[in-house]
């Protein structure tokens, strides 16, 4: 009879800790002291360490929530009548989740990259984003040479603008996203590097070897 209420209490404590950590890390970054999280949640340090022994355990739990939120956005975008509208809507909503969350930006583009849980979550988001790209290409709303990896490039570029302008111009990322998506939609195929170098530095005609008397020899076709 007592086990179920205890489990409910434990889950409530966990949720309070996650809510406190989410709010503090969004404002101050991933390095928020554990003491501040426990205090904001109204819990003791012992409770916090029992639920999340390592800081990475707490970060992973918060990122799992983010992955679920982004996955829900992607599924909704895939139901849009117009694939391009669905794709742009998804990108805008995804960046809105990051715009006011310093901790999430640090996680996605900072020193804590590389954990297995983070890699798995990013792979899941990338798979859904790839479906959005492929759907837009099939509908003729994106050039056929646009690939899912291009969306990751857009995310990195716009994310860099977001991080750099967060304090003095927090909405600048919206303009950066609009410019990036316009470029994606009208992008020219990328040519091999060798072709670009050939256009930039055309090869010179070979100089014929000099004759023994110092004059350049001229090739005379055989009769």
C-alpha atoms as a PDB file:
ATOM      1  CA  UNK A   1       0.000   0.000   0.000  1.00  0.00           C
ATOM      2  CA  UNK A   2       2.868   2.378   0.775  1.00  0.00           C
ATOM      3  CA  UNK A   3       5.064   1.502  -2.246  1.00  0.00           C
ATOM      4  CA  UNK A   4       2.925   3.305  -4.823  1.00  0.00           C
ATOM      5  CA  UNK A   5       2.730   6.637  -2.901  1.00  0.00           C
ATOM      6  CA  UNK A   6       6.499   6.461  -2.345  1.00  0.00           C
ATOM      7  CA  UNK A   7       7.059   5.975  -6.056  1.00  0.00           C
ATOM      8  CA  UNK A   8       4.808   8.926  -6.814  1.00  0.00           C
ATOM      9  CA  UNK A   9       6.758  11.071  -4.348  1.00  0.00           C
ATOM     10  CA  UNK A  10      10.051  10.000  -5.902  1.00  0.00           C
ATOM     11  CA  UNK A  11       8.809  10.895  -9.375  1.00  0.00           C
ATOM     12  CA  UNK A  12       7.554  14.277  -8.170  1.00  0.00           C
ATOM     13  CA  UNK A  13      10.971  14.956  -6.641  1.00  0.00           C
ATOM     14  CA  UNK A  14      12.654  13.989  -9.903  1.00  0.00           C
ATOM     15  CA  UNK A  15      10.406  16.289 -11.914  1.00  0.00           C
ATOM     16  CA  UNK A  16      11.039  19.195  -9.540  1.00  0.00           C
ATOM     17  CA  UNK A  17      14.777  18.685  -9.896  1.00  0.00           C
ATOM     18  CA  UNK A  18      14.505  18.573 -13.691  1.00  0.00           C
ATOM     19  CA  UNK A  19      12.360  21.705 -13.792  1.00  0.00           C
ATOM     20  CA  UNK A  20      14.798  23.587 -11.571  1.00  0.00           C
ATOM     21  CA  UNK A  21      17.801  22.420 -13.590  1.00  0.00           C
ATOM     22  CA  UNK A  22      16.088  23.282 -16.876  1.00  0.00           C
ATOM     23  CA  UNK A  23      15.337  26.834 -15.769  1.00  0.00           C
ATOM     24  CA  UNK A  24      18.745  27.518 -14.232  1.00  0.00           C
ATOM     25  CA  UNK A  25      20.760  25.960 -17.065  1.00  0.00           C
ATOM     26  CA  UNK A  26      18.723  27.820 -19.671  1.00  0.00           C
ATOM     27  CA  UNK A  27      19.698  31.060 -17.971  1.00  0.00           C
ATOM     28  CA  UNK A  28      23.232  30.355 -16.722  1.00  0.00           C
ATOM     29  CA  UNK A  29      24.536  27.420 -18.754  1.00  0.00           C
ATOM     30  CA  UNK A  30      25.419  23.825 -17.964  1.00  0.00           C
ATOM     31  CA  UNK A  31      27.796  24.686 -15.133  1.00  0.00           C
ATOM     32  CA  UNK A  32      25.096  25.692 -12.626  1.00  0.00           C
ATOM     33  CA  UNK A  33      26.138  24.474  -9.141  1.00  0.00           C
ATOM     34  CA  UNK A  34      24.299  21.426  -7.861  1.00  0.00           C
ATOM     35  CA  UNK A  35      23.570  23.333  -4.664  1.00  0.00           C
ATOM     36  CA  UNK A  36      21.613  25.954  -6.623  1.00  0.00           C
ATOM     37  CA  UNK A  37      19.573  23.271  -8.384  1.00  0.00           C
ATOM     38  CA  UNK A  38      18.702  21.494  -5.145  1.00  0.00           C
ATOM     39  CA  UNK A  39      17.777  24.775  -3.477  1.00  0.00           C
ATOM     40  CA  UNK A  40      15.551  25.862  -6.383  1.00  0.00           C
ATOM     41  CA  UNK A  41      13.814  22.467  -6.360  1.00  0.00           C
ATOM     42  CA  UNK A  42      13.270  22.549  -2.605  1.00  0.00           C
ATOM     43  CA  UNK A  43      15.225  19.302  -2.267  1.00  0.00           C
ATOM     44  CA  UNK A  44      18.296  18.222  -0.381  1.00  0.00           C
ATOM     45  CA  UNK A  45      21.648  17.460  -1.944  1.00  0.00           C
ATOM     46  CA  UNK A  46      21.203  13.796  -1.055  1.00  0.00           C
ATOM     47  CA  UNK A  47      18.010  13.588  -3.117  1.00  0.00           C
ATOM     48  CA  UNK A  48      19.682  15.273  -6.076  1.00  0.00           C
ATOM     49  CA  UNK A  49      22.689  12.943  -6.008  1.00  0.00           C
ATOM     50  CA  UNK A  50      20.487   9.864  -5.635  1.00  0.00           C
ATOM     51  CA  UNK A  51      18.512  10.797  -8.731  1.00  0.00           C
ATOM     52  CA  UNK A  52      21.430  12.186 -10.759  1.00  0.00           C
ATOM     53  CA  UNK A  53      24.793  10.961  -9.380  1.00  0.00           C
ATOM     54  CA  UNK A  54      26.749  12.699 -12.156  1.00  0.00           C
ATOM     55  CA  UNK A  55      26.059  16.031 -13.806  1.00  0.00           C
ATOM     56  CA  UNK A  56      26.003  14.259 -17.159  1.00  0.00           C
ATOM     57  CA  UNK A  57      23.079  12.143 -15.921  1.00  0.00           C
ATOM     58  CA  UNK A  58      21.109  15.335 -15.366  1.00  0.00           C
ATOM     59  CA  UNK A  59      22.165  16.829 -18.700  1.00  0.00           C
ATOM     60  CA  UNK A  60      21.241  13.612 -20.523  1.00  0.00           C
ATOM     61  CA  UNK A  61      17.783  13.611 -18.939  1.00  0.00           C
ATOM     62  CA  UNK A  62      17.174  17.198 -20.015  1.00  0.00           C
ATOM     63  CA  UNK A  63      18.455  16.538 -23.531  1.00  0.00           C
ATOM     64  CA  UNK A  64      16.160  13.512 -23.828  1.00  0.00           C
ATOM     65  CA  UNK A  65      13.240  15.866 -23.205  1.00  0.00           C
ATOM     66  CA  UNK A  66      14.557  18.196 -25.915  1.00  0.00           C
ATOM     67  CA  UNK A  67      14.860  15.326 -28.395  1.00  0.00           C
ATOM     68  CA  UNK A  68      11.247  14.342 -27.767  1.00  0.00           C
ATOM     69  CA  UNK A  69      10.119  17.941 -28.303  1.00  0.00           C
ATOM     70  CA  UNK A  70      12.039  18.264 -31.586  1.00  0.00           C
ATOM     71  CA  UNK A  71      10.821  14.866 -32.781  1.00  0.00           C
ATOM     72  CA  UNK A  72       7.230  15.968 -32.183  1.00  0.00           C
ATOM     73  CA  UNK A  73       7.876  19.123 -34.222  1.00  0.00           C
ATOM     74  CA  UNK A  74       9.370  17.099 -37.073  1.00  0.00           C
ATOM     75  CA  UNK A  75       6.428  14.711 -37.166  1.00  0.00           C
ATOM     76  CA  UNK A  76       4.062  17.664 -37.318  1.00  0.00           C
ATOM     77  CA  UNK A  77       6.124  19.276 -40.093  1.00  0.00           C
ATOM     78  CA  UNK A  78       5.996  16.055 -42.114  1.00  0.00           C
ATOM     79  CA  UNK A  79       2.208  16.354 -42.176  1.00  0.00           C
ATOM     80  CA  UNK A  80       2.286  19.819 -43.789  1.00  0.00           C
ATOM     81  CA  UNK A  81       0.627  19.996 -47.203  1.00  0.00           C
ATOM     82  CA  UNK A  82       3.578  21.912 -48.647  1.00  0.00           C
ATOM     83  CA  UNK A  83       6.942  20.237 -47.898  1.00  0.00           C
ATOM     84  CA  UNK A  84       8.858  23.527 -48.042  1.00  0.00           C
ATOM     85  CA  UNK A  85       6.480  25.192 -45.589  1.00  0.00           C
ATOM     86  CA  UNK A  86       6.836  22.200 -43.287  1.00  0.00           C
ATOM     87  CA  UNK A  87      10.628  22.341 -43.455  1.00  0.00           C
ATOM     88  CA  UNK A  88      10.905  26.073 -42.751  1.00  0.00           C
ATOM     89  CA  UNK A  89       8.340  25.836 -39.943  1.00  0.00           C
ATOM     90  CA  UNK A  90      10.344  23.019 -38.355  1.00  0.00           C
ATOM     91  CA  UNK A  91      13.607  24.960 -38.507  1.00  0.00           C
ATOM     92  CA  UNK A  92      12.048  28.073 -36.985  1.00  0.00           C
ATOM     93  CA  UNK A  93      10.444  26.126 -34.134  1.00  0.00           C
ATOM     94  CA  UNK A  94      13.660  24.205 -33.482  1.00  0.00           C
ATOM     95  CA  UNK A  95      15.691  27.390 -33.158  1.00  0.00           C
ATOM     96  CA  UNK A  96      13.048  28.957 -30.949  1.00  0.00           C
ATOM     97  CA  UNK A  97      13.663  26.119 -28.490  1.00  0.00           C
ATOM     98  CA  UNK A  98      17.356  27.005 -28.466  1.00  0.00           C
ATOM     99  CA  UNK A  99      17.065  30.791 -28.519  1.00  0.00           C
ATOM    100  CA  UNK A 100      16.437  31.271 -24.808  1.00  0.00           C
ATOM    101  CA  UNK A 101      18.383  28.244 -23.611  1.00  0.00           C
ATOM    102  CA  UNK A 102      22.061  28.882 -23.031  1.00  0.00           C
ATOM    103  CA  UNK A 103      22.590  25.386 -21.656  1.00  0.00           C
ATOM    104  CA  UNK A 104      21.141  23.750 -24.746  1.00  0.00           C
ATOM    105  CA  UNK A 105      23.347  25.850 -27.008  1.00  0.00           C
ATOM    106  CA  UNK A 106      26.396  24.833 -24.979  1.00  0.00           C
ATOM    107  CA  UNK A 107      25.363  21.213 -25.258  1.00  0.00           C
ATOM    108  CA  UNK A 108      24.761  21.257 -29.013  1.00  0.00           C
ATOM    109  CA  UNK A 109      27.761  23.369 -29.988  1.00  0.00           C
ATOM    110  CA  UNK A 110      30.036  23.304 -26.964  1.00  0.00           C
ATOM    111  CA  UNK A 111      32.594  21.252 -25.124  1.00  0.00           C
ATOM    112  CA  UNK A 112      30.177  18.581 -23.932  1.00  0.00           C
ATOM    113  CA  UNK A 113      29.659  17.131 -27.383  1.00  0.00           C
ATOM    114  CA  UNK A 114      30.549  13.500 -27.876  1.00  0.00           C
ATOM    115  CA  UNK A 115      28.564  11.604 -25.224  1.00  0.00           C
ATOM    116  CA  UNK A 116      26.699   8.527 -26.424  1.00  0.00           C
ATOM    117  CA  UNK A 117      23.298   9.831 -25.328  1.00  0.00           C
ATOM    118  CA  UNK A 118      23.890  13.129 -27.105  1.00  0.00           C
ATOM    119  CA  UNK A 119      25.023  11.366 -30.270  1.00  0.00           C
ATOM    120  CA  UNK A 120      21.962   9.111 -30.241  1.00  0.00           C
ATOM    121  CA  UNK A 121      19.609  12.046 -29.756  1.00  0.00           C
ATOM    122  CA  UNK A 122      21.233  14.069 -32.522  1.00  0.00           C
ATOM    123  CA  UNK A 123      21.074  11.054 -34.843  1.00  0.00           C
ATOM    124  CA  UNK A 124      17.347  10.696 -34.203  1.00  0.00           C
ATOM    125  CA  UNK A 125      16.752  14.379 -34.985  1.00  0.00           C
ATOM    126  CA  UNK A 126      18.940  14.140 -38.094  1.00  0.00           C
ATOM    127  CA  UNK A 127      16.928  11.170 -39.369  1.00  0.00           C
ATOM    128  CA  UNK A 128      13.664  13.091 -39.089  1.00  0.00           C
ATOM    129  CA  UNK A 129      15.216  16.201 -40.646  1.00  0.00           C
ATOM    130  CA  UNK A 130      16.442  14.059 -43.545  1.00  0.00           C
ATOM    131  CA  UNK A 131      12.859  13.003 -44.225  1.00  0.00           C
ATOM    132  CA  UNK A 132      11.854  16.669 -44.425  1.00  0.00           C
ATOM    133  CA  UNK A 133      14.642  17.405 -46.913  1.00  0.00           C
ATOM    134  CA  UNK A 134      13.899  14.355 -49.057  1.00  0.00           C
ATOM    135  CA  UNK A 135      10.189  15.168 -49.101  1.00  0.00           C
ATOM    136  CA  UNK A 136      10.885  18.728 -50.283  1.00  0.00           C
ATOM    137  CA  UNK A 137      13.260  17.471 -52.992  1.00  0.00           C
ATOM    138  CA  UNK A 138      10.720  14.950 -54.284  1.00  0.00           C
ATOM    139  CA  UNK A 139       8.094  17.692 -54.487  1.00  0.00           C
ATOM    140  CA  UNK A 140      10.438  19.935 -56.463  1.00  0.00           C
ATOM    141  CA  UNK A 141      10.587  22.470 -53.638  1.00  0.00           C
ATOM    142  CA  UNK A 142      14.338  22.029 -53.242  1.00  0.00           C
ATOM    143  CA  UNK A 143      17.024  21.373 -55.866  1.00  0.00           C
ATOM    144  CA  UNK A 144      17.769  17.699 -56.395  1.00  0.00           C
ATOM    145  CA  UNK A 145      21.376  18.094 -55.262  1.00  0.00           C
ATOM    146  CA  UNK A 146      20.418  19.309 -51.768  1.00  0.00           C
ATOM    147  CA  UNK A 147      21.192  16.580 -49.229  1.00  0.00           C
ATOM    148  CA  UNK A 148      20.219  16.125 -45.556  1.00  0.00           C
ATOM    149  CA  UNK A 149      23.719  17.098 -44.450  1.00  0.00           C
ATOM    150  CA  UNK A 150      23.089  20.588 -45.815  1.00  0.00           C
ATOM    151  CA  UNK A 151      20.507  21.110 -43.085  1.00  0.00           C
ATOM    152  CA  UNK A 152      23.137  20.353 -40.455  1.00  0.00           C
ATOM    153  CA  UNK A 153      25.351  23.002 -42.047  1.00  0.00           C
ATOM    154  CA  UNK A 154      22.496  25.520 -41.825  1.00  0.00           C
ATOM    155  CA  UNK A 155      22.001  24.593 -38.182  1.00  0.00           C
ATOM    156  CA  UNK A 156      25.674  25.150 -37.378  1.00  0.00           C
ATOM    157  CA  UNK A 157      25.792  28.516 -39.166  1.00  0.00           C
ATOM    158  CA  UNK A 158      22.590  29.896 -37.664  1.00  0.00           C
ATOM    159  CA  UNK A 159      23.537  28.505 -34.267  1.00  0.00           C
ATOM    160  CA  UNK A 160      26.834  30.375 -34.415  1.00  0.00           C
ATOM    161  CA  UNK A 161      24.965  33.623 -35.136  1.00  0.00           C
ATOM    162  CA  UNK A 162      22.580  32.891 -32.277  1.00  0.00           C
ATOM    163  CA  UNK A 163      25.403  32.293 -29.816  1.00  0.00           C
ATOM    164  CA  UNK A 164      27.344  35.378 -30.905  1.00  0.00           C
ATOM    165  CA  UNK A 165      24.368  37.757 -30.792  1.00  0.00           C
ATOM    166  CA  UNK A 166      22.424  36.326 -27.852  1.00  0.00           C
ATOM    167  CA  UNK A 167      23.164  39.291 -25.577  1.00  0.00           C
ATOM    168  CA  UNK A 168      23.026  42.315 -27.888  1.00  0.00           C
ATOM    169  CA  UNK A 169      20.652  41.189 -30.677  1.00  0.00           C
ATOM    170  CA  UNK A 170      18.803  38.035 -29.628  1.00  0.00           C
ATOM    171  CA  UNK A 171      16.537  37.954 -32.691  1.00  0.00           C
ATOM    172  CA  UNK A 172      19.315  38.134 -35.283  1.00  0.00           C
ATOM    173  CA  UNK A 173      19.219  34.368 -35.757  1.00  0.00           C
ATOM    174  CA  UNK A 174      15.863  34.745 -37.533  1.00  0.00           C
ATOM    175  CA  UNK A 175      17.458  36.797 -40.299  1.00  0.00           C
ATOM    176  CA  UNK A 176      20.364  34.366 -40.494  1.00  0.00           C
ATOM    177  CA  UNK A 177      17.937  31.472 -40.853  1.00  0.00           C
ATOM    178  CA  UNK A 178      15.963  33.229 -43.602  1.00  0.00           C
ATOM    179  CA  UNK A 179      19.152  33.949 -45.555  1.00  0.00           C
ATOM    180  CA  UNK A 180      20.425  30.390 -45.087  1.00  0.00           C
ATOM    181  CA  UNK A 181      17.171  28.782 -46.188  1.00  0.00           C
ATOM    182  CA  UNK A 182      16.973  31.054 -49.234  1.00  0.00           C
ATOM    183  CA  UNK A 183      20.483  29.995 -50.149  1.00  0.00           C
ATOM    184  CA  UNK A 184      19.563  26.356 -49.682  1.00  0.00           C
ATOM    185  CA  UNK A 185      16.560  26.684 -51.953  1.00  0.00           C
ATOM    186  CA  UNK A 186      18.516  28.360 -54.748  1.00  0.00           C
ATOM    187  CA  UNK A 187      21.880  26.684 -54.231  1.00  0.00           C
ATOM    188  CA  UNK A 188      23.961  25.735 -57.242  1.00  0.00           C
ATOM    189  CA  UNK A 189      25.466  22.257 -57.392  1.00  0.00           C
ATOM    190  CA  UNK A 190      28.911  22.080 -55.836  1.00  0.00           C
ATOM    191  CA  UNK A 191      31.560  21.270 -58.417  1.00  0.00           C
ATOM    192  CA  UNK A 192      34.607  19.132 -57.673  1.00  0.00           C
ATOM    193  CA  UNK A 193      37.509  21.149 -56.354  1.00  0.00           C
ATOM    194  CA  UNK A 194      39.665  20.193 -59.315  1.00  0.00           C
ATOM    195  CA  UNK A 195      37.210  21.851 -61.716  1.00  0.00           C
ATOM    196  CA  UNK A 196      37.110  25.045 -59.650  1.00  0.00           C
ATOM    197  CA  UNK A 197      40.910  25.226 -59.564  1.00  0.00           C
ATOM    198  CA  UNK A 198      41.052  24.664 -63.326  1.00  0.00           C
ATOM    199  CA  UNK A 199      38.743  27.638 -63.890  1.00  0.00           C
ATOM    200  CA  UNK A 200      40.641  29.851 -61.465  1.00  0.00           C
ATOM    201  CA  UNK A 201      44.119  28.835 -62.622  1.00  0.00           C
ATOM    202  CA  UNK A 202      43.873  27.672 -66.253  1.00  0.00           C
ATOM    203  CA  UNK A 203      46.730  25.522 -67.349  1.00  0.00           C
ATOM    204  CA  UNK A 204      49.302  27.169 -69.606  1.00  0.00           C
ATOM    205  CA  UNK A 205      50.232  25.562 -72.899  1.00  0.00           C
ATOM    206  CA  UNK A 206      53.439  23.550 -72.500  1.00  0.00           C
ATOM    207  CA  UNK A 207      56.593  25.301 -73.714  1.00  0.00           C
ATOM    208  CA  UNK A 208      58.458  23.206 -76.288  1.00  0.00           C
ATOM    209  CA  UNK A 209      61.957  22.176 -75.282  1.00  0.00           C
ATOM    210  CA  UNK A 210      64.872  24.297 -76.487  1.00  0.00           C
ATOM    211  CA  UNK A 211      67.041  23.056 -79.353  1.00  0.00           C
ATOM    212  CA  UNK A 212      70.785  22.613 -78.867  1.00  0.00           C
ATOM    213  CA  UNK A 213      71.394  26.094 -80.299  1.00  0.00           C
ATOM    214  CA  UNK A 214      69.176  27.687 -77.656  1.00  0.00           C
ATOM    215  CA  UNK A 215      66.076  28.159 -79.827  1.00  0.00           C
ATOM    216  CA  UNK A 216      62.753  26.513 -79.038  1.00  0.00           C
ATOM    217  CA  UNK A 217      62.199  23.499 -81.194  1.00  0.00           C
ATOM    218  CA  UNK A 218      59.026  23.329 -83.266  1.00  0.00           C
ATOM    219  CA  UNK A 219      57.304  20.049 -83.852  1.00  0.00           C
ATOM    220  CA  UNK A 220      57.110  19.236 -87.550  1.00  0.00           C
ATOM    221  CA  UNK A 221      54.564  16.604 -88.455  1.00  0.00           C
ATOM    222  CA  UNK A 222      55.984  13.575 -90.210  1.00  0.00           C
ATOM    223  CA  UNK A 223      55.291  13.392 -93.935  1.00  0.00           C
END
